[in-house]
C-alpha atoms as a PDB file:
ATOM      1  CA  MET A   1     -77.258  28.853-137.838  1.00  0.00           C
ATOM      2  CA  LYS A   2     -76.513  30.440-140.990  1.00  0.00           C
ATOM      3  CA  ALA A   3     -75.386  34.143-141.108  1.00  0.00           C
ATOM      4  CA  LYS A   4     -78.215  35.038-143.694  1.00  0.00           C
ATOM      5  CA  GLU A   5     -80.767  33.843-140.939  1.00  0.00           C
ATOM      6  CA  ILE A   6     -78.905  36.048-138.400  1.00  0.00           C
ATOM      7  CA  ARG A   7     -78.966  39.135-140.383  1.00  0.00           C
ATOM      8  CA  GLU A   8     -82.726  38.697-140.848  1.00  0.00           C
ATOM      9  CA  MET A   9     -83.217  39.289-137.115  1.00  0.00           C
ATOM     10  CA  THR A  10     -84.084  42.347-135.180  1.00  0.00           C
ATOM     11  CA  PRO A  11     -81.382  43.875-132.368  1.00  0.00           C
ATOM     12  CA  THR A  12     -83.961  42.477-129.804  1.00  0.00           C
ATOM     13  CA  GLU A  13     -84.208  39.223-131.219  1.00  0.00           C
ATOM     14  CA  LEU A  14     -80.058  39.040-131.718  1.00  0.00           C
ATOM     15  CA  ASN A  15     -79.849  39.904-127.901  1.00  0.00           C
ATOM     16  CA  GLY A  16     -82.040  37.124-127.088  1.00  0.00           C
ATOM     17  CA  GLN A  17     -80.179  34.714-129.207  1.00  0.00           C
ATOM     18  CA  LEU A  18     -76.992  35.612-127.826  1.00  0.00           C
ATOM     19  CA  GLU A  19     -78.215  35.168-124.472  1.00  0.00           C
ATOM     20  CA  THR A  20     -79.379  31.773-125.385  1.00  0.00           C
ATOM     21  CA  LEU A  21     -76.384  30.768-126.835  1.00  0.00           C
ATOM     22  CA  LYS A  22     -74.118  31.564-124.034  1.00  0.00           C
ATOM     23  CA  GLY A  23     -76.299  29.642-121.635  1.00  0.00           C
ATOM     24  CA  GLU A  24     -75.698  26.710-123.727  1.00  0.00           C
ATOM     25  CA  LEU A  25     -72.243  27.412-123.980  1.00  0.00           C
ATOM     26  CA  PHE A  26     -72.307  27.210-120.199  1.00  0.00           C
ATOM     27  CA  ASN A  27     -74.036  24.257-119.847  1.00  0.00           C
ATOM     28  CA  LEU A  28     -71.936  22.451-122.332  1.00  0.00           C
ATOM     29  CA  ARG A  29     -68.572  23.703-120.461  1.00  0.00           C
ATOM     30  CA  PHE A  30     -70.355  22.334-117.352  1.00  0.00           C
ATOM     31  CA  GLN A  31     -71.105  18.809-119.088  1.00  0.00           C
ATOM     32  CA  GLN A  32     -67.513  18.551-120.286  1.00  0.00           C
ATOM     33  CA  ALA A  33     -66.038  19.389-116.522  1.00  0.00           C
ATOM     34  CA  THR A  34     -68.200  16.666-115.291  1.00  0.00           C
ATOM     35  CA  GLY A  35     -67.622  14.097-118.075  1.00  0.00           C
ATOM     36  CA  GLN A  36     -70.828  13.897-119.304  1.00  0.00           C
ATOM     37  CA  LEU A  37     -70.485  15.369-122.518  1.00  0.00           C
ATOM     38  CA  GLU A  38     -70.979  13.173-125.452  1.00  0.00           C
ATOM     39  CA  ASN A  39     -70.726  15.474-128.448  1.00  0.00           C
ATOM     40  CA  THR A  40     -67.528  17.816-127.884  1.00  0.00           C
ATOM     41  CA  SER A  41     -67.739  19.482-131.301  1.00  0.00           C
ATOM     42  CA  ARG A  42     -71.092  21.057-129.943  1.00  0.00           C
ATOM     43  CA  ILE A  43     -68.937  23.407-128.093  1.00  0.00           C
ATOM     44  CA  LYS A  44     -67.072  24.660-131.375  1.00  0.00           C
ATOM     45  CA  VAL A  45     -70.420  25.292-133.223  1.00  0.00           C
ATOM     46  CA  VAL A  46     -71.906  27.209-130.479  1.00  0.00           C
ATOM     47  CA  LYS A  47     -68.690  29.418-130.313  1.00  0.00           C
ATOM     48  CA  ARG A  48     -69.218  30.471-133.756  1.00  0.00           C
ATOM     49  CA  ASN A  49     -72.899  31.280-133.698  1.00  0.00           C
ATOM     50  CA  ILE A  50     -71.874  33.643-131.000  1.00  0.00           C
ATOM     51  CA  ALA A  51     -69.105  35.143-133.004  1.00  0.00           C
ATOM     52  CA  ARG A  52     -71.791  35.461-135.977  1.00  0.00           C
ATOM     53  CA  VAL A  53     -74.419  37.003-133.718  1.00  0.00           C
ATOM     54  CA  LYS A  54     -71.841  39.411-132.273  1.00  0.00           C
ATOM     55  CA  THR A  55     -70.368  40.338-135.674  1.00  0.00           C
ATOM     56  CA  VAL A  56     -73.851  41.155-137.135  1.00  0.00           C
ATOM     57  CA  MET A  57     -74.678  43.243-133.991  1.00  0.00           C
ATOM     58  CA  VAL A  58     -71.605  45.284-134.680  1.00  0.00           C
ATOM     59  CA  GLU A  59     -72.542  45.581-138.593  1.00  0.00           C
ATOM     60  CA  LYS A  60     -76.049  46.814-137.468  1.00  0.00           C
ATOM     61  CA  GLU A  61     -74.852  49.481-134.818  1.00  0.00           C
ATOM     62  CA  THR A  62     -72.153  50.844-137.509  1.00  0.00           C
ATOM     63  CA  LYS A  63     -75.065  51.142-140.264  1.00  0.00           C
ATOM     64  CA  ALA A  64     -77.244  53.044-137.961  1.00  0.00           C
END
């Protein structure tokens, strides 16, 4: 997910996206703990996307 795409989202969409990403990260960690995770780099990608969403949320809060 690109930062440009995230910046175009509304605050409600950002909250929904954040919850989705957190759920995905939980599932990935669970798979890793049980030895079922095949693509370990996906954890890193999801963490970065969470950070991007949180950054944009803070930017929008400070502008308002």
